[in-house]
Amino acid sequence: MLASTGDRRIREKIGQRIDALASEPDKQGKALAGELTGYRSVRAVGQRYRIIFEVKRQEAEVVVLGVGLRRQGDKSDIYALAKKLLRLGLIEGM
């Protein structure tokens, strides 16, 4: 998903925000509900993009589920895409 972002500067800013998750990821962003329970979301690049991630406490690991624009009601919305990936079993849910 990150590679599909056309602008190199946006990719770099998102990458920096993902790197920042290394420090206390469970205190960053907001906890998600519904099908995305167990995941968290942080904003990036002027609040336009969202990074959806999971904190695996046993392994001290942060797993990024998806990166994309928040477009509420649109099928390309990052939350809609994350839910679809979970439903299709293309990513491992919690």
N, C-alpha and C. Protein backbone atom coordinates (compact mmCIF):
# COMPACT_ATOMS: atom_id res chain seq x y z
N MET A 1 0.82 -1.19 0.00
CA MET A 1 0.00 0.00 0.00
C MET A 1 0.87 1.25 0.00
N LEU A 2 1.92 1.20 0.77
CA LEU A 2 2.81 2.36 0.84
C LEU A 2 3.48 2.60 -0.51
N ALA A 3 3.87 1.54 -1.17
CA ALA A 3 4.53 1.66 -2.48
C ALA A 3 3.59 2.24 -3.52
N SER A 4 2.29 2.04 -3.36
CA SER A 4 1.34 2.54 -4.36
C SER A 4 1.08 4.04 -4.21
N THR A 5 1.57 4.63 -3.13
CA THR A 5 1.43 6.08 -2.95
C THR A 5 2.40 6.75 -3.91
N GLY A 6 1.87 7.54 -4.82
CA GLY A 6 2.66 8.10 -5.91
C GLY A 6 3.73 9.10 -5.51
N ASP A 7 3.49 9.91 -4.52
CA ASP A 7 4.40 10.99 -4.14
C ASP A 7 5.46 10.48 -3.16
N ARG A 8 6.71 10.60 -3.54
CA ARG A 8 7.83 10.14 -2.71
C ARG A 8 7.85 10.83 -1.35
N ARG A 9 7.54 12.13 -1.31
CA ARG A 9 7.56 12.86 -0.04
C ARG A 9 6.48 12.35 0.91
N ILE A 10 5.32 12.00 0.36
CA ILE A 10 4.25 11.45 1.20
C ILE A 10 4.67 10.10 1.74
N ARG A 11 5.28 9.26 0.88
CA ARG A 11 5.78 7.95 1.35
C ARG A 11 6.78 8.13 2.48
N GLU A 12 7.67 9.09 2.35
CA GLU A 12 8.68 9.33 3.39
C GLU A 12 8.03 9.77 4.70
N LYS A 13 7.05 10.67 4.63
CA LYS A 13 6.36 11.13 5.84
C LYS A 13 5.60 9.99 6.51
N ILE A 14 4.94 9.16 5.70
CA ILE A 14 4.23 8.00 6.27
C ILE A 14 5.24 7.05 6.90
N GLY A 15 6.37 6.82 6.23
CA GLY A 15 7.42 5.96 6.77
C GLY A 15 7.95 6.48 8.09
N GLN A 16 8.12 7.79 8.20
CA GLN A 16 8.58 8.39 9.46
C GLN A 16 7.55 8.18 10.57
N ARG A 17 6.26 8.30 10.22
CA ARG A 17 5.21 8.11 11.21
C ARG A 17 5.16 6.66 11.66
N ILE A 18 5.37 5.73 10.72
CA ILE A 18 5.42 4.31 11.08
C ILE A 18 6.62 4.05 12.00
N ASP A 19 7.78 4.64 11.69
CA ASP A 19 8.96 4.48 12.54
C ASP A 19 8.71 5.00 13.95
N ALA A 20 7.91 6.06 14.07
CA ALA A 20 7.60 6.64 15.38
C ALA A 20 6.78 5.69 16.25
N LEU A 21 6.15 4.68 15.63
CA LEU A 21 5.37 3.70 16.38
C LEU A 21 6.27 2.79 17.24
N ALA A 22 7.57 2.84 17.01
CA ALA A 22 8.50 2.01 17.78
C ALA A 22 8.51 2.42 19.25
N SER A 23 8.13 3.65 19.55
CA SER A 23 8.12 4.15 20.91
C SER A 23 6.69 4.20 21.44
N GLU A 24 6.36 3.32 22.34
CA GLU A 24 5.06 3.25 23.00
C GLU A 24 3.87 3.24 22.02
N PRO A 25 3.83 2.24 21.15
CA PRO A 25 2.76 2.20 20.14
C PRO A 25 1.37 2.05 20.74
N ASP A 26 1.26 1.41 21.89
CA ASP A 26 -0.05 1.20 22.49
C ASP A 26 -0.63 2.49 23.08
N LYS A 27 0.16 3.55 23.13
CA LYS A 27 -0.32 4.84 23.62
C LYS A 27 -0.57 5.82 22.47
N GLN A 28 -0.39 5.37 21.24
CA GLN A 28 -0.56 6.25 20.09
C GLN A 28 -1.85 5.93 19.34
N GLY A 29 -2.43 6.95 18.75
CA GLY A 29 -3.63 6.76 17.93
C GLY A 29 -4.83 6.40 18.76
N LYS A 30 -5.81 5.82 18.08
CA LYS A 30 -7.04 5.43 18.78
C LYS A 30 -7.34 3.96 18.52
N ALA A 31 -7.94 3.35 19.50
CA ALA A 31 -8.36 1.95 19.36
C ALA A 31 -9.56 1.90 18.44
N LEU A 32 -9.59 0.90 17.57
CA LEU A 32 -10.69 0.73 16.63
C LEU A 32 -11.70 -0.28 17.17
N ALA A 33 -12.89 -0.26 16.61
CA ALA A 33 -13.97 -1.13 17.09
C ALA A 33 -14.52 -1.96 15.93
N GLY A 34 -15.50 -2.77 16.25
CA GLY A 34 -16.16 -3.61 15.23
C GLY A 34 -15.21 -4.65 14.68
N GLU A 35 -15.21 -4.80 13.36
CA GLU A 35 -14.35 -5.80 12.72
C GLU A 35 -12.87 -5.51 12.94
N LEU A 36 -12.54 -4.28 13.27
CA LEU A 36 -11.13 -3.89 13.45
C LEU A 36 -10.74 -3.82 14.93
N THR A 37 -11.53 -4.43 15.79
CA THR A 37 -11.19 -4.49 17.21
C THR A 37 -9.82 -5.13 17.38
N GLY A 38 -8.99 -4.54 18.21
CA GLY A 38 -7.64 -5.06 18.44
C GLY A 38 -6.60 -4.30 17.63
N TYR A 39 -7.06 -3.47 16.70
CA TYR A 39 -6.15 -2.65 15.90
C TYR A 39 -6.26 -1.20 16.36
N ARG A 40 -5.27 -0.41 16.01
CA ARG A 40 -5.25 1.02 16.33
C ARG A 40 -5.04 1.80 15.04
N SER A 41 -5.35 3.08 15.08
CA SER A 41 -5.21 3.95 13.91
C SER A 41 -4.53 5.25 14.31
N VAL A 42 -3.54 5.67 13.53
CA VAL A 42 -2.91 6.99 13.72
C VAL A 42 -3.01 7.75 12.41
N ARG A 43 -3.02 9.06 12.54
CA ARG A 43 -3.08 9.93 11.36
C ARG A 43 -1.67 10.28 10.91
N ALA A 44 -1.55 10.53 9.61
CA ALA A 44 -0.25 10.90 9.05
C ALA A 44 -0.46 11.88 7.90
N VAL A 45 0.56 12.60 7.55
CA VAL A 45 0.60 13.51 6.41
C VAL A 45 -0.58 14.49 6.47
N GLY A 46 -0.50 15.40 7.42
CA GLY A 46 -1.53 16.42 7.52
C GLY A 46 -2.92 15.88 7.78
N GLN A 47 -3.02 14.80 8.50
CA GLN A 47 -4.28 14.20 8.92
C GLN A 47 -5.03 13.48 7.80
N ARG A 48 -4.51 13.44 6.58
CA ARG A 48 -5.23 12.83 5.45
C ARG A 48 -5.13 11.32 5.43
N TYR A 49 -3.98 10.79 5.74
CA TYR A 49 -3.74 9.35 5.67
C TYR A 49 -3.92 8.72 7.04
N ARG A 50 -4.27 7.45 7.04
CA ARG A 50 -4.36 6.69 8.28
C ARG A 50 -3.43 5.49 8.18
N ILE A 51 -2.85 5.15 9.30
CA ILE A 51 -2.02 3.95 9.42
C ILE A 51 -2.74 3.05 10.42
N ILE A 52 -3.16 1.89 9.98
CA ILE A 52 -3.86 0.96 10.85
C ILE A 52 -2.85 -0.11 11.26
N PHE A 53 -2.72 -0.32 12.57
CA PHE A 53 -1.70 -1.22 13.05
C PHE A 53 -2.17 -2.02 14.25
N GLU A 54 -1.41 -3.04 14.55
CA GLU A 54 -1.67 -3.94 15.68
C GLU A 54 -0.41 -4.00 16.52
N VAL A 55 -0.58 -3.98 17.83
CA VAL A 55 0.56 -4.12 18.74
C VAL A 55 0.55 -5.53 19.29
N LYS A 56 1.61 -6.28 19.01
CA LYS A 56 1.74 -7.64 19.53
C LYS A 56 2.65 -7.58 20.75
N ARG A 57 2.04 -7.60 21.91
CA ARG A 57 2.78 -7.40 23.16
C ARG A 57 3.78 -8.52 23.46
N GLN A 58 3.41 -9.75 23.15
CA GLN A 58 4.30 -10.86 23.47
C GLN A 58 5.64 -10.73 22.75
N GLU A 59 5.59 -10.25 21.54
CA GLU A 59 6.81 -10.17 20.73
C GLU A 59 7.38 -8.77 20.65
N ALA A 60 6.75 -7.79 21.34
CA ALA A 60 7.17 -6.39 21.25
C ALA A 60 7.28 -5.97 19.79
N GLU A 61 6.21 -6.20 19.07
CA GLU A 61 6.20 -6.01 17.62
C GLU A 61 4.98 -5.19 17.21
N VAL A 62 5.18 -4.29 16.25
CA VAL A 62 4.09 -3.52 15.68
C VAL A 62 3.90 -4.00 14.25
N VAL A 63 2.68 -4.42 13.91
CA VAL A 63 2.38 -4.91 12.57
C VAL A 63 1.45 -3.91 11.90
N VAL A 64 1.89 -3.32 10.80
CA VAL A 64 1.06 -2.36 10.07
C VAL A 64 0.12 -3.13 9.16
N LEU A 65 -1.16 -2.93 9.35
CA LEU A 65 -2.19 -3.60 8.56
C LEU A 65 -2.44 -2.88 7.24
N GLY A 66 -2.44 -1.57 7.27
CA GLY A 66 -2.70 -0.83 6.05
C GLY A 66 -2.39 0.64 6.18
N VAL A 67 -2.23 1.28 5.04
CA VAL A 67 -1.95 2.70 4.96
C VAL A 67 -2.79 3.25 3.82
N GLY A 68 -3.51 4.32 4.06
CA GLY A 68 -4.29 4.89 2.98
C GLY A 68 -5.10 6.09 3.42
N LEU A 69 -5.84 6.63 2.50
CA LEU A 69 -6.67 7.80 2.76
C LEU A 69 -7.98 7.43 3.43
N ARG A 70 -8.43 8.32 4.31
CA ARG A 70 -9.74 8.17 4.93
C ARG A 70 -10.75 8.81 4.00
N ARG A 71 -11.60 7.99 3.38
CA ARG A 71 -12.64 8.47 2.46
C ARG A 71 -13.95 7.82 2.88
N GLN A 72 -14.53 8.33 3.94
CA GLN A 72 -15.73 7.73 4.51
C GLN A 72 -16.81 7.53 3.46
N GLY A 73 -17.34 6.30 3.40
CA GLY A 73 -18.40 5.96 2.48
C GLY A 73 -17.91 5.50 1.11
N ASP A 74 -16.62 5.59 0.86
CA ASP A 74 -16.04 5.19 -0.43
C ASP A 74 -15.40 3.82 -0.26
N LYS A 75 -15.48 2.97 -1.29
CA LYS A 75 -14.89 1.63 -1.17
C LYS A 75 -13.37 1.66 -1.09
N SER A 76 -12.74 2.80 -1.45
CA SER A 76 -11.29 2.90 -1.34
C SER A 76 -10.85 3.43 0.03
N ASP A 77 -11.80 3.67 0.93
CA ASP A 77 -11.50 4.13 2.29
C ASP A 77 -10.60 3.10 2.98
N ILE A 78 -9.58 3.55 3.68
CA ILE A 78 -8.61 2.64 4.31
C ILE A 78 -9.28 1.71 5.31
N TYR A 79 -10.28 2.19 6.04
CA TYR A 79 -10.95 1.32 7.01
C TYR A 79 -11.77 0.24 6.30
N ALA A 80 -12.44 0.61 5.22
CA ALA A 80 -13.20 -0.38 4.44
C ALA A 80 -12.26 -1.43 3.85
N LEU A 81 -11.12 -0.99 3.36
CA LEU A 81 -10.14 -1.91 2.79
C LEU A 81 -9.59 -2.86 3.86
N ALA A 82 -9.28 -2.33 5.04
CA ALA A 82 -8.76 -3.17 6.12
C ALA A 82 -9.79 -4.23 6.53
N LYS A 83 -11.04 -3.84 6.63
CA LYS A 83 -12.09 -4.80 6.97
C LYS A 83 -12.21 -5.89 5.91
N LYS A 84 -12.10 -5.49 4.65
CA LYS A 84 -12.20 -6.45 3.56
C LYS A 84 -11.04 -7.45 3.61
N LEU A 85 -9.84 -6.97 3.87
CA LEU A 85 -8.67 -7.86 3.98
C LEU A 85 -8.86 -8.88 5.09
N LEU A 86 -9.41 -8.43 6.23
CA LEU A 86 -9.68 -9.35 7.34
C LEU A 86 -10.75 -10.38 6.95
N ARG A 87 -11.84 -9.91 6.36
CA ARG A 87 -12.94 -10.83 5.98
C ARG A 87 -12.48 -11.89 4.98
N LEU A 88 -11.63 -11.49 4.04
CA LEU A 88 -11.15 -12.42 3.01
C LEU A 88 -10.04 -13.33 3.52
N GLY A 89 -9.59 -13.08 4.74
CA GLY A 89 -8.52 -13.90 5.31
C GLY A 89 -7.17 -13.63 4.69
N LEU A 90 -7.01 -12.48 4.05
CA LEU A 90 -5.73 -12.15 3.43
C LEU A 90 -4.71 -11.65 4.45
N ILE A 91 -5.20 -11.30 5.64
CA ILE A 91 -4.33 -10.96 6.75
C ILE A 91 -4.85 -11.70 7.97
N GLU A 92 -3.98 -11.95 8.88
CA GLU A 92 -4.34 -12.68 10.09
C GLU A 92 -4.93 -11.73 11.11
N GLY A 93 -6.16 -12.01 11.54
CA GLY A 93 -6.80 -11.20 12.56
C GLY A 93 -6.34 -11.59 13.95
N MET A 94 -6.72 -10.79 14.90
CA MET A 94 -6.33 -11.03 16.29
C MET A 94 -7.14 -12.16 16.89
